[in-house]
Amino acid sequence: MNSKTHNITSKRCTGRSLIATKKIKPDFWFLSKLEIREALEAQGYKVKEIRKVRYLKHQICISYQNKQGGTCSGFFSYRIFWRWQNAVERLIKGCSTLKEWVLLNYTLQYEFAHYPYPSEMVDIISTALENRLCRLKANTTNPDALTLAFLQVKQQQPIKKPLACIP
C-alpha cells in the first residue's frame, strides 16, 4: 500500500491580543466574589451568589446561583472586569516612546475589532491612548516622529488590513 505523507505547512496565526502577546496575564488574577458579581450584573445577569470560579488563560469560568435559586455557569471574557481596564491603562501609561505607543495602538485596535468590550471601557481606553499620544508628541522634537514610528512598526509586523490610528 502506498501511503502519502501530508506535509502540512499552514501557518498558524500568531496571537495579537493582549493576552496572546503576554502583555496582560489575567489567569493569575484573583478576583473577589464582589468584583465578579458586579461585572456579571453589569452584563445583565441576575446573580444571587457566586459559587465557583475557575481561571483559564483566555477566559474565566464562573458558576453562580441566580435570583430564582437555580445554578448557572458560563465562560466569560476577562474584558468585562474593571481590572482589565486598569491593566490596559497601565500599559498605555507605560509607553515611553512613540514606537511603543504605535505597537500598543495596533494591538488595541485588533482587540476592539475582535473582542466584545463594554462601550464605556472603549471610550476610556481610547481617551487614555489619545492623551498619551499628545504627551509623547509634546516630548518629541521631531515632527515626523509619529510617521517614522508607524513605518518602523509596519516593517517589523506586516498587517493584512490597516488599522486606524486614534489621533
Protein backbone atom coordinates (compact mmCIF):
# COMPACT_ATOMS: atom_id res chain seq x y z
CA MET A 1 0.00 0.00 0.00
CA ASN A 2 1.35 3.37 -0.97
CA SER A 3 0.65 5.87 1.77
CA LYS A 4 1.25 9.52 1.13
CA THR A 5 2.59 11.64 3.87
CA HIS A 6 0.98 15.00 4.19
CA ASN A 7 3.36 17.83 4.82
CA ILE A 8 1.12 20.48 6.24
CA THR A 9 2.85 23.81 6.17
CA SER A 10 -0.04 26.01 7.05
CA LYS A 11 0.92 28.94 9.16
CA ARG A 12 -0.73 29.36 12.47
CA CYS A 13 -1.89 32.88 13.12
CA THR A 14 0.22 34.48 15.76
CA GLY A 15 -1.78 35.99 18.54
CA ARG A 16 -2.20 39.71 18.54
CA SER A 17 -4.43 40.07 21.57
CA LEU A 18 -3.15 41.47 24.83
CA ILE A 19 -3.28 38.01 26.40
CA ALA A 20 -1.57 36.22 23.48
CA THR A 21 1.22 38.80 23.43
CA LYS A 22 1.58 38.28 27.20
CA LYS A 23 1.11 41.94 27.97
CA ILE A 24 -1.75 41.08 30.35
CA LYS A 25 -1.90 37.82 32.30
CA PRO A 26 -5.40 37.65 33.82
CA ASP A 27 -5.23 33.94 34.63
CA PHE A 28 -3.10 34.94 37.63
CA TRP A 29 -5.67 37.41 38.92
CA PHE A 30 -7.75 36.53 41.91
CA LEU A 31 -10.98 38.46 41.55
CA SER A 32 -13.16 38.87 44.59
CA LYS A 33 -16.68 37.50 44.52
CA LEU A 34 -17.94 41.07 44.75
CA GLU A 35 -15.95 42.11 41.64
CA ILE A 36 -17.28 39.10 39.75
CA ARG A 37 -20.84 39.73 40.85
CA GLU A 38 -20.71 43.42 39.84
CA ALA A 39 -19.28 42.53 36.42
CA LEU A 40 -21.94 39.90 35.78
CA GLU A 41 -24.74 42.21 36.90
CA ALA A 42 -23.38 44.94 34.60
CA GLN A 43 -23.69 42.39 31.78
CA GLY A 44 -27.35 41.82 32.69
CA TYR A 45 -27.12 38.60 34.71
CA LYS A 46 -29.15 38.33 37.91
CA VAL A 47 -26.69 36.93 40.44
CA LYS A 48 -27.58 35.92 43.97
CA GLU A 49 -24.32 34.19 44.93
CA ILE A 50 -21.02 33.26 43.28
CA ARG A 51 -20.38 29.56 43.81
CA LYS A 52 -17.19 28.60 41.98
CA VAL A 53 -14.59 30.41 39.89
CA ARG A 54 -12.04 28.82 37.60
CA TYR A 55 -9.37 30.98 35.99
CA LEU A 56 -8.38 29.96 32.48
CA LYS A 57 -5.82 31.62 30.22
CA HIS A 58 -8.24 33.49 27.94
CA GLN A 59 -11.48 33.42 29.93
CA ILE A 60 -12.96 32.77 33.32
CA CYS A 61 -15.45 30.03 34.19
CA ILE A 62 -18.00 31.16 36.75
CA SER A 63 -20.65 29.09 38.48
CA TYR A 64 -23.30 31.16 40.27
CA GLN A 65 -26.77 30.99 41.76
CA ASN A 66 -29.32 33.24 40.09
CA LYS A 67 -32.10 35.16 41.86
CA GLN A 68 -34.58 32.32 41.29
CA GLY A 69 -32.28 29.86 43.08
CA GLY A 70 -31.06 27.99 40.01
CA THR A 71 -27.40 27.22 39.45
CA CYS A 72 -25.89 28.68 36.30
CA SER A 73 -22.42 28.64 34.87
CA GLY A 74 -20.67 30.13 31.92
CA PHE A 75 -17.43 31.23 30.36
CA PHE A 76 -16.80 34.96 30.45
CA SER A 77 -14.15 37.20 28.97
CA TYR A 78 -11.76 38.93 31.34
CA ARG A 79 -12.56 42.08 29.38
CA ILE A 80 -15.80 42.59 31.31
CA PHE A 81 -13.90 43.33 34.53
CA TRP A 82 -12.69 46.78 35.51
CA ARG A 83 -9.36 45.25 36.46
CA TRP A 84 -8.83 44.66 32.73
CA GLN A 85 -9.37 48.35 32.05
CA ASN A 86 -6.88 49.28 34.76
CA ALA A 87 -4.29 46.89 33.29
CA VAL A 88 -4.74 48.41 29.82
CA GLU A 89 -4.44 51.94 31.23
CA ARG A 90 -1.18 50.92 32.95
CA LEU A 91 0.13 49.61 29.62
CA ILE A 92 -0.76 52.91 27.95
CA LYS A 93 0.94 54.95 30.68
CA GLY A 94 3.98 52.70 30.35
CA CYS A 95 4.57 53.68 26.70
CA SER A 96 7.71 55.80 26.79
CA THR A 97 8.27 56.10 23.04
CA LEU A 98 6.09 56.68 20.02
CA LYS A 99 7.09 53.28 18.67
CA GLU A 100 5.81 51.55 21.81
CA TRP A 101 2.60 53.58 21.58
CA VAL A 102 2.08 52.59 17.93
CA LEU A 103 2.57 48.89 18.74
CA LEU A 104 0.11 49.10 21.62
CA ASN A 105 -2.34 51.04 19.46
CA TYR A 106 -2.24 48.29 16.81
CA THR A 107 -2.87 45.66 19.47
CA LEU A 108 -5.77 47.61 20.98
CA GLN A 109 -7.38 48.23 17.59
CA TYR A 110 -7.16 44.47 16.99
CA GLU A 111 -8.72 43.87 20.42
CA PHE A 112 -11.60 46.26 19.73
CA ALA A 113 -12.27 44.63 16.35
CA HIS A 114 -12.17 41.02 17.57
CA TYR A 115 -13.41 41.01 21.17
CA PRO A 116 -16.51 42.49 22.79
CA TYR A 117 -15.71 45.39 25.10
CA PRO A 118 -18.18 47.44 27.15
CA SER A 119 -18.66 50.75 25.29
CA GLU A 120 -17.67 52.78 28.35
CA MET A 121 -14.39 50.89 28.54
CA VAL A 122 -13.65 51.50 24.85
CA ASP A 123 -14.21 55.24 25.36
CA ILE A 124 -11.98 55.38 28.44
CA ILE A 125 -9.18 53.39 26.80
CA SER A 126 -9.40 55.45 23.59
CA THR A 127 -9.19 58.68 25.58
CA ALA A 128 -6.18 57.37 27.51
CA LEU A 129 -4.49 56.44 24.20
CA GLU A 130 -5.19 59.90 22.80
CA ASN A 131 -3.84 61.64 25.89
CA ARG A 132 -0.69 59.51 25.92
CA LEU A 133 -0.08 60.26 22.25
CA CYS A 134 -0.39 64.00 22.94
CA ARG A 135 2.16 63.75 25.77
CA LEU A 136 4.57 61.73 23.64
CA LYS A 137 4.24 64.18 20.75
CA ALA A 138 4.87 67.10 23.10
CA ASN A 139 8.09 65.47 24.32
CA THR A 140 9.31 64.77 20.78
CA THR A 141 11.33 67.37 18.91
CA ASN A 142 10.95 65.65 15.53
CA PRO A 143 7.53 66.46 13.97
CA ASP A 144 7.74 63.36 11.74
CA ALA A 145 8.48 61.01 14.64
CA LEU A 146 4.97 59.52 14.63
CA THR A 147 5.15 58.75 10.90
CA LEU A 148 8.58 57.18 11.37
CA ALA A 149 7.29 55.09 14.28
CA PHE A 150 4.39 53.82 12.13
CA LEU A 151 6.80 52.90 9.32
CA GLN A 152 9.15 51.07 11.68
CA VAL A 153 6.30 49.07 13.14
CA LYS A 154 4.87 48.20 9.71
CA GLN A 155 8.26 46.89 8.58
CA GLN A 156 8.54 44.65 11.64
CA GLN A 157 4.96 43.47 11.79
CA PRO A 158 3.08 43.11 8.48
CA ILE A 159 -0.61 43.82 8.86
CA LYS A 160 -3.09 42.47 6.34
CA LYS A 161 -5.55 45.29 6.72
CA PRO A 162 -4.58 48.71 8.01
CA LEU A 163 -5.77 49.62 11.47
CA ALA A 164 -6.80 53.16 12.20
CA CYS A 165 -4.74 55.30 14.50
CA ILE A 166 -6.57 57.26 17.09
CA PRO A 167 -5.36 60.83 16.53
